[in-house]
C-alpha atoms as a PDB file:
ATOM      1  CA  UNK A   1       0.000   0.000   0.000  1.00  0.00           C
ATOM      2  CA  UNK A   2       1.308   3.406  -0.899  1.00  0.00           C
ATOM      3  CA  UNK A   3       1.817   5.584   2.152  1.00  0.00           C
ATOM      4  CA  UNK A   4       2.750   8.780   0.341  1.00  0.00           C
ATOM      5  CA  UNK A   5      -0.031  11.099  -0.715  1.00  0.00           C
ATOM      6  CA  UNK A   6      -0.271  12.669  -4.150  1.00  0.00           C
ATOM      7  CA  UNK A   7       2.024  15.682  -4.444  1.00  0.00           C
ATOM      8  CA  UNK A   8       0.457  19.028  -3.658  1.00  0.00           C
ATOM      9  CA  UNK A   9      -0.167  21.069  -6.827  1.00  0.00           C
ATOM     10  CA  UNK A  10       2.064  24.099  -7.201  1.00  0.00           C
ATOM     11  CA  UNK A  11       0.535  27.364  -5.989  1.00  0.00           C
ATOM     12  CA  UNK A  12       1.803  30.677  -7.348  1.00  0.00           C
ATOM     13  CA  UNK A  13       1.496  33.352  -4.665  1.00  0.00           C
ATOM     14  CA  UNK A  14       1.372  36.709  -6.471  1.00  0.00           C
ATOM     15  CA  UNK A  15       2.398  39.836  -4.554  1.00  0.00           C
ATOM     16  CA  UNK A  16       2.720  43.371  -5.968  1.00  0.00           C
ATOM     17  CA  UNK A  17       4.817  45.789  -3.893  1.00  0.00           C
ATOM     18  CA  UNK A  18       4.991  49.566  -3.919  1.00  0.00           C
ATOM     19  CA  UNK A  19       6.565  51.533  -1.073  1.00  0.00           C
ATOM     20  CA  UNK A  20       5.591  48.834   1.414  1.00  0.00           C
ATOM     21  CA  UNK A  21       8.803  48.684   3.444  1.00  0.00           C
ATOM     22  CA  UNK A  22       6.796  49.127   6.634  1.00  0.00           C
ATOM     23  CA  UNK A  23       4.745  45.970   6.076  1.00  0.00           C
ATOM     24  CA  UNK A  24       6.192  43.727   3.366  1.00  0.00           C
ATOM     25  CA  UNK A  25       8.520  41.691   5.570  1.00  0.00           C
ATOM     26  CA  UNK A  26       5.663  40.435   7.733  1.00  0.00           C
ATOM     27  CA  UNK A  27       3.589  39.759   4.628  1.00  0.00           C
ATOM     28  CA  UNK A  28       6.375  37.603   3.182  1.00  0.00           C
ATOM     29  CA  UNK A  29       7.007  35.715   6.417  1.00  0.00           C
ATOM     30  CA  UNK A  30       3.295  34.927   6.653  1.00  0.00           C
ATOM     31  CA  UNK A  31       3.591  33.219   3.255  1.00  0.00           C
ATOM     32  CA  UNK A  32       6.749  31.350   4.208  1.00  0.00           C
ATOM     33  CA  UNK A  33       5.066  30.080   7.385  1.00  0.00           C
ATOM     34  CA  UNK A  34       2.250  28.333   5.505  1.00  0.00           C
ATOM     35  CA  UNK A  35       1.424  24.730   6.346  1.00  0.00           C
ATOM     36  CA  UNK A  36       1.342  24.179   2.561  1.00  0.00           C
ATOM     37  CA  UNK A  37       4.891  23.915   1.239  1.00  0.00           C
ATOM     38  CA  UNK A  38       4.660  23.543  -2.555  1.00  0.00           C
ATOM     39  CA  UNK A  39       4.395  27.173  -3.625  1.00  0.00           C
ATOM     40  CA  UNK A  40       6.327  29.869  -5.435  1.00  0.00           C
ATOM     41  CA  UNK A  41       6.169  33.418  -4.125  1.00  0.00           C
ATOM     42  CA  UNK A  42       6.417  35.821  -7.070  1.00  0.00           C
ATOM     43  CA  UNK A  43       6.934  39.464  -6.161  1.00  0.00           C
ATOM     44  CA  UNK A  44       7.161  42.502  -8.409  1.00  0.00           C
ATOM     45  CA  UNK A  45       8.343  45.780  -6.949  1.00  0.00           C
ATOM     46  CA  UNK A  46       6.593  48.582  -8.822  1.00  0.00           C
ATOM     47  CA  UNK A  47       9.352  51.188  -8.745  1.00  0.00           C
ATOM     48  CA  UNK A  48       9.365  51.720  -4.985  1.00  0.00           C
ATOM     49  CA  UNK A  49      11.260  54.726  -3.636  1.00  0.00           C
ATOM     50  CA  UNK A  50      11.589  53.409  -0.071  1.00  0.00           C
ATOM     51  CA  UNK A  51      13.550  50.356   1.159  1.00  0.00           C
ATOM     52  CA  UNK A  52      11.130  47.782  -0.272  1.00  0.00           C
ATOM     53  CA  UNK A  53      13.491  46.496  -2.962  1.00  0.00           C
ATOM     54  CA  UNK A  54      16.363  46.083  -0.489  1.00  0.00           C
ATOM     55  CA  UNK A  55      14.094  44.053   1.790  1.00  0.00           C
ATOM     56  CA  UNK A  56      12.982  41.858  -1.120  1.00  0.00           C
ATOM     57  CA  UNK A  57      16.568  41.172  -2.192  1.00  0.00           C
ATOM     58  CA  UNK A  58      17.561  40.234   1.349  1.00  0.00           C
ATOM     59  CA  UNK A  59      14.617  37.889   1.920  1.00  0.00           C
ATOM     60  CA  UNK A  60      14.842  36.256  -1.525  1.00  0.00           C
ATOM     61  CA  UNK A  61      18.287  34.934  -0.581  1.00  0.00           C
ATOM     62  CA  UNK A  62      16.796  33.037   2.350  1.00  0.00           C
ATOM     63  CA  UNK A  63      14.227  30.947   0.500  1.00  0.00           C
ATOM     64  CA  UNK A  64      14.512  29.636  -3.057  1.00  0.00           C
ATOM     65  CA  UNK A  65      10.728  29.726  -3.465  1.00  0.00           C
ATOM     66  CA  UNK A  66      10.849  33.536  -3.617  1.00  0.00           C
ATOM     67  CA  UNK A  67      11.231  35.083  -7.088  1.00  0.00           C
ATOM     68  CA  UNK A  68      11.576  38.854  -7.264  1.00  0.00           C
ATOM     69  CA  UNK A  69      11.283  41.289 -10.161  1.00  0.00           C
ATOM     70  CA  UNK A  70      11.309  45.066 -10.435  1.00  0.00           C
ATOM     71  CA  UNK A  71       9.528  47.535 -12.682  1.00  0.00           C
ATOM     72  CA  UNK A  72      11.983  50.224 -13.807  1.00  0.00           C
ATOM     73  CA  UNK A  73       9.389  52.906 -13.123  1.00  0.00           C
ATOM     74  CA  UNK A  74       6.158  52.983 -11.157  1.00  0.00           C
ATOM     75  CA  UNK A  75       3.643  51.507 -13.626  1.00  0.00           C
ATOM     76  CA  UNK A  76       0.511  51.025 -11.530  1.00  0.00           C
ATOM     77  CA  UNK A  77      -1.092  48.224  -9.541  1.00  0.00           C
ATOM     78  CA  UNK A  78      -3.152  46.878 -12.457  1.00  0.00           C
ATOM     79  CA  UNK A  79      -0.119  46.652 -14.727  1.00  0.00           C
ATOM     80  CA  UNK A  80       1.900  44.942 -11.989  1.00  0.00           C
ATOM     81  CA  UNK A  81      -0.823  42.397 -11.236  1.00  0.00           C
ATOM     82  CA  UNK A  82      -1.081  41.593 -14.950  1.00  0.00           C
ATOM     83  CA  UNK A  83       2.669  40.939 -15.124  1.00  0.00           C
ATOM     84  CA  UNK A  84       2.483  38.735 -12.040  1.00  0.00           C
ATOM     85  CA  UNK A  85      -0.252  36.629 -13.648  1.00  0.00           C
ATOM     86  CA  UNK A  86       1.997  36.092 -16.690  1.00  0.00           C
ATOM     87  CA  UNK A  87       4.790  34.781 -14.471  1.00  0.00           C
ATOM     88  CA  UNK A  88       2.676  32.235 -12.587  1.00  0.00           C
ATOM     89  CA  UNK A  89       3.657  28.595 -13.139  1.00  0.00           C
ATOM     90  CA  UNK A  90       1.260  27.002 -10.673  1.00  0.00           C
ATOM     91  CA  UNK A  91      -2.064  25.264 -11.123  1.00  0.00           C
ATOM     92  CA  UNK A  92      -3.531  27.705  -8.612  1.00  0.00           C
ATOM     93  CA  UNK A  93      -2.728  31.389  -8.045  1.00  0.00           C
ATOM     94  CA  UNK A  94      -3.095  32.872  -4.564  1.00  0.00           C
ATOM     95  CA  UNK A  95      -3.471  36.644  -4.592  1.00  0.00           C
ATOM     96  CA  UNK A  96      -1.659  38.462  -1.790  1.00  0.00           C
ATOM     97  CA  UNK A  97      -1.003  42.116  -0.989  1.00  0.00           C
ATOM     98  CA  UNK A  98       2.230  43.419   0.507  1.00  0.00           C
ATOM     99  CA  UNK A  99       0.581  44.912   3.602  1.00  0.00           C
ATOM    100  CA  UNK A 100      -1.603  41.942   4.590  1.00  0.00           C
ATOM    101  CA  UNK A 101      -0.860  38.801   6.619  1.00  0.00           C
ATOM    102  CA  UNK A 102      -1.928  35.264   5.750  1.00  0.00           C
ATOM    103  CA  UNK A 103      -3.329  32.900   8.342  1.00  0.00           C
ATOM    104  CA  UNK A 104      -0.903  29.921   8.508  1.00  0.00           C
ATOM    105  CA  UNK A 105      -3.285  27.396   6.913  1.00  0.00           C
ATOM    106  CA  UNK A 106      -4.718  29.643   4.199  1.00  0.00           C
ATOM    107  CA  UNK A 107      -3.063  27.897   1.238  1.00  0.00           C
ATOM    108  CA  UNK A 108      -3.879  24.438   2.596  1.00  0.00           C
ATOM    109  CA  UNK A 109      -7.556  25.248   3.121  1.00  0.00           C
ATOM    110  CA  UNK A 110      -8.091  26.911  -0.250  1.00  0.00           C
ATOM    111  CA  UNK A 111      -6.097  24.391  -2.303  1.00  0.00           C
ATOM    112  CA  UNK A 112      -8.009  21.536  -0.692  1.00  0.00           C
ATOM    113  CA  UNK A 113     -11.288  23.306  -1.513  1.00  0.00           C
ATOM    114  CA  UNK A 114     -10.392  23.841  -5.169  1.00  0.00           C
ATOM    115  CA  UNK A 115      -9.323  20.211  -5.542  1.00  0.00           C
ATOM    116  CA  UNK A 116     -12.644  19.063  -4.075  1.00  0.00           C
ATOM    117  CA  UNK A 117     -14.648  21.524  -6.201  1.00  0.00           C
ATOM    118  CA  UNK A 118     -13.180  21.420  -9.732  1.00  0.00           C
ATOM    119  CA  UNK A 119     -15.809  23.791 -11.192  1.00  0.00           C
ATOM    120  CA  UNK A 120     -14.880  26.625  -8.815  1.00  0.00           C
ATOM    121  CA  UNK A 121     -12.574  29.156 -10.472  1.00  0.00           C
ATOM    122  CA  UNK A 122     -12.208  31.546  -7.504  1.00  0.00           C
ATOM    123  CA  UNK A 123     -12.337  30.783  -3.802  1.00  0.00           C
ATOM    124  CA  UNK A 124     -12.000  33.437  -1.125  1.00  0.00           C
ATOM    125  CA  UNK A 125     -12.380  33.372   2.615  1.00  0.00           C
ATOM    126  CA  UNK A 126     -13.207  35.360   5.705  1.00  0.00           C
ATOM    127  CA  UNK A 127     -10.965  38.237   6.825  1.00  0.00           C
ATOM    128  CA  UNK A 128      -9.941  39.941  10.038  1.00  0.00           C
ATOM    129  CA  UNK A 129      -9.145  43.630   9.505  1.00  0.00           C
ATOM    130  CA  UNK A 130      -6.079  45.239  11.060  1.00  0.00           C
ATOM    131  CA  UNK A 131      -4.858  48.816  11.296  1.00  0.00           C
ATOM    132  CA  UNK A 132      -1.469  50.361  10.524  1.00  0.00           C
ATOM    133  CA  UNK A 133       0.002  49.069  13.789  1.00  0.00           C
ATOM    134  CA  UNK A 134      -1.257  45.523  13.296  1.00  0.00           C
ATOM    135  CA  UNK A 135      -4.099  45.750  15.815  1.00  0.00           C
ATOM    136  CA  UNK A 136      -7.307  43.989  14.872  1.00  0.00           C
ATOM    137  CA  UNK A 137      -9.889  46.617  13.976  1.00  0.00           C
ATOM    138  CA  UNK A 138     -12.800  44.525  12.737  1.00  0.00           C
ATOM    139  CA  UNK A 139     -13.757  41.703  10.433  1.00  0.00           C
ATOM    140  CA  UNK A 140     -15.236  40.987   7.012  1.00  0.00           C
ATOM    141  CA  UNK A 141     -17.714  38.177   6.546  1.00  0.00           C
ATOM    142  CA  UNK A 142     -18.542  36.957   3.064  1.00  0.00           C
ATOM    143  CA  UNK A 143     -21.215  34.607   1.680  1.00  0.00           C
ATOM    144  CA  UNK A 144     -20.116  31.037   0.966  1.00  0.00           C
ATOM    145  CA  UNK A 145     -22.197  30.052  -2.064  1.00  0.00           C
ATOM    146  CA  UNK A 146     -21.859  31.139  -5.690  1.00  0.00           C
ATOM    147  CA  UNK A 147     -25.356  32.587  -6.144  1.00  0.00           C
ATOM    148  CA  UNK A 148     -25.022  34.796  -3.058  1.00  0.00           C
ATOM    149  CA  UNK A 149     -21.518  35.921  -4.055  1.00  0.00           C
ATOM    150  CA  UNK A 150     -22.683  36.680  -7.593  1.00  0.00           C
ATOM    151  CA  UNK A 151     -25.694  38.787  -6.600  1.00  0.00           C
ATOM    152  CA  UNK A 152     -23.833  40.670  -3.850  1.00  0.00           C
ATOM    153  CA  UNK A 153     -20.862  41.661  -6.034  1.00  0.00           C
ATOM    154  CA  UNK A 154     -22.799  44.457  -7.748  1.00  0.00           C
ATOM    155  CA  UNK A 155     -23.265  46.468  -4.555  1.00  0.00           C
ATOM    156  CA  UNK A 156     -20.669  45.182  -2.099  1.00  0.00           C
ATOM    157  CA  UNK A 157     -17.444  43.185  -2.289  1.00  0.00           C
ATOM    158  CA  UNK A 158     -18.360  39.523  -1.914  1.00  0.00           C
ATOM    159  CA  UNK A 159     -14.817  38.145  -2.287  1.00  0.00           C
ATOM    160  CA  UNK A 160     -11.739  39.868  -0.926  1.00  0.00           C
ATOM    161  CA  UNK A 161      -9.155  40.034  -3.720  1.00  0.00           C
ATOM    162  CA  UNK A 162      -6.001  39.427  -1.591  1.00  0.00           C
ATOM    163  CA  UNK A 163      -7.781  36.563   0.168  1.00  0.00           C
ATOM    164  CA  UNK A 164      -8.610  34.772  -3.084  1.00  0.00           C
ATOM    165  CA  UNK A 165      -7.179  31.757  -4.891  1.00  0.00           C
ATOM    166  CA  UNK A 166      -7.766  31.159  -8.591  1.00  0.00           C
ATOM    167  CA  UNK A 167      -7.873  27.838 -10.416  1.00  0.00           C
ATOM    168  CA  UNK A 168      -5.777  28.811 -13.428  1.00  0.00           C
ATOM    169  CA  UNK A 169      -6.696  25.642 -15.313  1.00  0.00           C
ATOM    170  CA  UNK A 170     -10.229  27.047 -15.745  1.00  0.00           C
ATOM    171  CA  UNK A 171      -9.103  30.459 -17.012  1.00  0.00           C
ATOM    172  CA  UNK A 172      -8.642  30.950 -20.794  1.00  0.00           C
ATOM    173  CA  UNK A 173      -5.040  31.378 -21.915  1.00  0.00           C
ATOM    174  CA  UNK A 174      -5.873  34.757 -23.468  1.00  0.00           C
ATOM    175  CA  UNK A 175      -7.706  36.070 -20.399  1.00  0.00           C
ATOM    176  CA  UNK A 176      -7.087  39.872 -20.114  1.00  0.00           C
ATOM    177  CA  UNK A 177      -5.882  40.076 -16.527  1.00  0.00           C
ATOM    178  CA  UNK A 178      -6.309  43.356 -14.603  1.00  0.00           C
ATOM    179  CA  UNK A 179      -7.046  46.619 -16.387  1.00  0.00           C
ATOM    180  CA  UNK A 180      -4.649  49.277 -15.087  1.00  0.00           C
ATOM    181  CA  UNK A 181      -6.949  52.089 -16.297  1.00  0.00           C
ATOM    182  CA  UNK A 182      -9.446  51.353 -13.497  1.00  0.00           C
ATOM    183  CA  UNK A 183      -6.935  50.990 -10.657  1.00  0.00           C
ATOM    184  CA  UNK A 184      -7.364  50.826  -7.689  1.00  0.00           C
ATOM    185  CA  UNK A 185     -10.532  48.815  -8.449  1.00  0.00           C
ATOM    186  CA  UNK A 186      -8.843  46.615 -11.045  1.00  0.00           C
ATOM    187  CA  UNK A 187      -9.500  43.733  -8.642  1.00  0.00           C
ATOM    188  CA  UNK A 188     -13.277  44.186  -8.871  1.00  0.00           C
ATOM    189  CA  UNK A 189     -13.110  44.367 -12.669  1.00  0.00           C
ATOM    190  CA  UNK A 190     -11.065  41.172 -12.718  1.00  0.00           C
ATOM    191  CA  UNK A 191     -13.532  39.325 -10.484  1.00  0.00           C
ATOM    192  CA  UNK A 192     -16.512  40.355 -12.621  1.00  0.00           C
ATOM    193  CA  UNK A 193     -14.680  39.072 -15.689  1.00  0.00           C
ATOM    194  CA  UNK A 194     -13.795  35.762 -14.001  1.00  0.00           C
ATOM    195  CA  UNK A 195     -17.481  34.958 -13.471  1.00  0.00           C
ATOM    196  CA  UNK A 196     -17.378  33.757 -17.066  1.00  0.00           C
ATOM    197  CA  UNK A 197     -14.845  31.040 -16.217  1.00  0.00           C
ATOM    198  CA  UNK A 198     -16.570  29.131 -13.437  1.00  0.00           C
ATOM    199  CA  UNK A 199     -18.219  29.167 -10.040  1.00  0.00           C
ATOM    200  CA  UNK A 200     -17.180  31.342  -7.080  1.00  0.00           C
ATOM    201  CA  UNK A 201     -17.037  30.354  -3.403  1.00  0.00           C
ATOM    202  CA  UNK A 202     -15.737  31.460  -0.021  1.00  0.00           C
ATOM    203  CA  UNK A 203     -14.506  29.148   2.707  1.00  0.00           C
ATOM    204  CA  UNK A 204     -15.943  29.676   6.181  1.00  0.00           C
ATOM    205  CA  UNK A 205     -12.517  30.012   7.818  1.00  0.00           C
ATOM    206  CA  UNK A 206     -10.527  33.198   8.374  1.00  0.00           C
ATOM    207  CA  UNK A 207      -7.679  33.199   5.855  1.00  0.00           C
ATOM    208  CA  UNK A 208      -6.290  36.742   5.932  1.00  0.00           C
ATOM    209  CA  UNK A 209      -5.486  39.679   8.155  1.00  0.00           C
ATOM    210  CA  UNK A 210      -6.581  42.502   5.831  1.00  0.00           C
ATOM    211  CA  UNK A 211      -4.982  45.871   6.544  1.00  0.00           C
ATOM    212  CA  UNK A 212      -7.254  48.927   6.344  1.00  0.00           C
ATOM    213  CA  UNK A 213      -5.776  52.396   6.785  1.00  0.00           C
ATOM    214  CA  UNK A 214      -6.328  55.852   5.228  1.00  0.00           C
ATOM    215  CA  UNK A 215      -3.212  55.843   3.016  1.00  0.00           C
ATOM    216  CA  UNK A 216      -3.997  52.502   1.353  1.00  0.00           C
ATOM    217  CA  UNK A 217      -4.459  52.725  -2.410  1.00  0.00           C
ATOM    218  CA  UNK A 218      -8.232  52.250  -2.382  1.00  0.00           C
ATOM    219  CA  UNK A 219      -8.775  54.921   0.296  1.00  0.00           C
ATOM    220  CA  UNK A 220      -6.475  57.716  -0.867  1.00  0.00           C
ATOM    221  CA  UNK A 221      -9.264  59.264  -2.945  1.00  0.00           C
ATOM    222  CA  UNK A 222     -12.463  57.544  -1.881  1.00  0.00           C
ATOM    223  CA  UNK A 223     -14.780  59.466  -4.193  1.00  0.00           C
ATOM    224  CA  UNK A 224     -12.640  58.727  -7.240  1.00  0.00           C
ATOM    225  CA  UNK A 225     -12.497  55.058  -6.199  1.00  0.00           C
ATOM    226  CA  UNK A 226     -16.287  54.930  -5.928  1.00  0.00           C
ATOM    227  CA  UNK A 227     -16.881  56.401  -9.388  1.00  0.00           C
ATOM    228  CA  UNK A 228     -14.360  53.996 -10.865  1.00  0.00           C
ATOM    229  CA  UNK A 229     -16.336  51.249  -9.131  1.00  0.00           C
ATOM    230  CA  UNK A 230     -19.460  52.500 -10.906  1.00  0.00           C
ATOM    231  CA  UNK A 231     -17.587  52.352 -14.214  1.00  0.00           C
ATOM    232  CA  UNK A 232     -16.551  48.763 -13.517  1.00  0.00           C
ATOM    233  CA  UNK A 233     -20.110  47.793 -12.603  1.00  0.00           C
ATOM    234  CA  UNK A 234     -21.354  49.193 -15.913  1.00  0.00           C
ATOM    235  CA  UNK A 235     -18.611  47.337 -17.767  1.00  0.00           C
ATOM    236  CA  UNK A 236     -19.610  44.115 -16.011  1.00  0.00           C
ATOM    237  CA  UNK A 237     -23.187  44.476 -17.260  1.00  0.00           C
ATOM    238  CA  UNK A 238     -22.511  45.630 -20.814  1.00  0.00           C
ATOM    239  CA  UNK A 239     -19.205  43.857 -21.578  1.00  0.00           C
ATOM    240  CA  UNK A 240     -19.047  40.761 -19.367  1.00  0.00           C
ATOM    241  CA  UNK A 241     -22.696  39.694 -19.386  1.00  0.00           C
ATOM    242  CA  UNK A 242     -23.215  40.174 -15.646  1.00  0.00           C
ATOM    243  CA  UNK A 243     -26.888  40.284 -14.642  1.00  0.00           C
ATOM    244  CA  UNK A 244     -27.605  42.284 -11.466  1.00  0.00           C
ATOM    245  CA  UNK A 245     -30.891  41.829  -9.633  1.00  0.00           C
ATOM    246  CA  UNK A 246     -33.495  44.576  -9.439  1.00  0.00           C
ATOM    247  CA  UNK A 247     -32.700  44.944  -5.738  1.00  0.00           C
ATOM    248  CA  UNK A 248     -29.031  45.484  -6.594  1.00  0.00           C
ATOM    249  CA  UNK A 249     -29.943  48.316  -8.956  1.00  0.00           C
ATOM    250  CA  UNK A 250     -32.122  49.896  -6.249  1.00  0.00           C
ATOM    251  CA  UNK A 251     -29.413  49.555  -3.567  1.00  0.00           C
ATOM    252  CA  UNK A 252     -26.941  51.382  -5.787  1.00  0.00           C
ATOM    253  CA  UNK A 253     -28.983  54.602  -5.743  1.00  0.00           C
ATOM    254  CA  UNK A 254     -28.403  55.561  -2.053  1.00  0.00           C
ATOM    255  CA  UNK A 255     -24.704  54.767  -2.490  1.00  0.00           C
ATOM    256  CA  UNK A 256     -24.476  57.249  -5.352  1.00  0.00           C
ATOM    257  CA  UNK A 257     -26.415  59.906  -3.432  1.00  0.00           C
ATOM    258  CA  UNK A 258     -24.282  59.521  -0.303  1.00  0.00           C
ATOM    259  CA  UNK A 259     -20.975  59.708  -2.161  1.00  0.00           C
ATOM    260  CA  UNK A 260     -22.179  62.703  -4.184  1.00  0.00           C
ATOM    261  CA  UNK A 261     -23.401  64.892  -1.339  1.00  0.00           C
ATOM    262  CA  UNK A 262     -21.168  63.902   1.595  1.00  0.00           C
ATOM    263  CA  UNK A 263     -17.752  65.502   2.213  1.00  0.00           C
ATOM    264  CA  UNK A 264     -14.873  63.101   1.504  1.00  0.00           C
ATOM    265  CA  UNK A 265     -14.101  62.548   5.207  1.00  0.00           C
ATOM    266  CA  UNK A 266     -17.646  61.260   5.788  1.00  0.00           C
ATOM    267  CA  UNK A 267     -17.598  58.915   2.835  1.00  0.00           C
ATOM    268  CA  UNK A 268     -15.274  56.458   4.603  1.00  0.00           C
ATOM    269  CA  UNK A 269     -18.045  54.877   6.770  1.00  0.00           C
ATOM    270  CA  UNK A 270     -20.176  54.423   3.655  1.00  0.00           C
ATOM    271  CA  UNK A 271     -17.267  52.943   1.743  1.00  0.00           C
ATOM    272  CA  UNK A 272     -16.415  50.662   4.680  1.00  0.00           C
ATOM    273  CA  UNK A 273     -19.975  49.357   4.649  1.00  0.00           C
ATOM    274  CA  UNK A 274     -19.703  48.751   0.913  1.00  0.00           C
ATOM    275  CA  UNK A 275     -16.517  46.765   1.543  1.00  0.00           C
ATOM    276  CA  UNK A 276     -18.228  44.700   4.251  1.00  0.00           C
ATOM    277  CA  UNK A 277     -16.055  45.942   7.127  1.00  0.00           C
ATOM    278  CA  UNK A 278     -17.395  45.593  10.672  1.00  0.00           C
ATOM    279  CA  UNK A 279     -15.427  47.043  13.558  1.00  0.00           C
ATOM    280  CA  UNK A 280     -14.046  45.671  16.790  1.00  0.00           C
ATOM    281  CA  UNK A 281     -10.844  46.260  18.766  1.00  0.00           C
ATOM    282  CA  UNK A 282      -8.438  43.519  19.881  1.00  0.00           C
ATOM    283  CA  UNK A 283      -4.722  42.860  19.449  1.00  0.00           C
ATOM    284  CA  UNK A 284      -3.075  41.018  16.552  1.00  0.00           C
ATOM    285  CA  UNK A 285      -0.903  38.058  17.523  1.00  0.00           C
ATOM    286  CA  UNK A 286       2.452  38.106  15.716  1.00  0.00           C
ATOM    287  CA  UNK A 287       3.848  34.826  17.039  1.00  0.00           C
ATOM    288  CA  UNK A 288       4.015  33.021  13.687  1.00  0.00           C
ATOM    289  CA  UNK A 289       5.947  35.896  12.142  1.00  0.00           C
ATOM    290  CA  UNK A 290       8.483  35.912  14.977  1.00  0.00           C
ATOM    291  CA  UNK A 291       9.038  32.136  14.841  1.00  0.00           C
ATOM    292  CA  UNK A 292       9.597  32.027  11.081  1.00  0.00           C
ATOM    293  CA  UNK A 293      11.842  35.076  11.174  1.00  0.00           C
ATOM    294  CA  UNK A 294      13.978  33.482  13.875  1.00  0.00           C
ATOM    295  CA  UNK A 295      14.212  30.260  11.870  1.00  0.00           C
ATOM    296  CA  UNK A 296      15.353  31.969   8.692  1.00  0.00           C
ATOM    297  CA  UNK A 297      17.788  34.229  10.501  1.00  0.00           C
END
C-alpha cells in the first residue's frame, strides 16, 4: 500500500509591492510560514522609492521559493498584477497584498477546496481587519455560495481580492488580466470578468489579516475610487454579461447619493460598509511571524 499522498499542486502566490517597506517583511514571512509547502512566491516591486526592494533582495536569498522582479518605473497596480499573472507557473494562483498577513493554513484550506470543487474558479475566505500598527480593527464576513456571491458583487465586495485563490486551469489562456486604467478597483473588474470562467465560493474560515488604513491605495481618494467602481459595474453588465438583480440596482442609488453629497471625510463609513467591514478592537498576535523570522535568521 502506498503511504505517500499525491504531491500538492504548485501554488503561485502573487504579490505586488509599492513603497511597502513598513509591512512587506511580515507579509512575506506569513507566506513562508504556511502549512502548505509547494508554492512559489512571485513578487514585483513597482518602482518603490523606499527600502522595499532592499528588503525583497535580502529575503529572496533566504528561500529559493521567492522570485523577485522590479519595474523600472512605477507603472501602476493593475499593470503589476497583470505581469504577475503572466509569471505564474502554478495550477492555482493565490493573490496576496504586501501589507496583509496570511493565516498559517490559508493555502492548505483553499487548495483543498479547489481540488474538491473542480468547477470553482475563484475561492476566497473570511478576513480579520487590522490597522497600521497591526491591531485587529474589525472583520469581514462573506457569503459562501456562488449565487449569493454573484448577486452581492454588484453592490458590495463579496470576495476579498487578496484573500482569493484562482484555479488557473479554468481560465482561458488569453484572459485579459487586470485593467490598469481602473486601478485601484482593477481587482473588482477582474472578479466580474472571471465569473465567465466558473463558479465562485468562499470558505468559512478566516484566511487573511486585511490591513485597512487611510493611506492605502483604495482609500487615498475615496470618491474617485467609488466612481471607478461605478464604471466597472457598468462594464460588467454591458461587456461581461453580468446580470444584477433589481434589488441590486435599487441599492446602488443611495450609495451614489451619499458619495455625491457627503464631504470626503464622511464617505469612509459608507465605503467601509460597501466593503463589508465591521469594527471591533483587539490585538493582533504576531507569534508566527516571529518564529519564522527566527528560523530563517
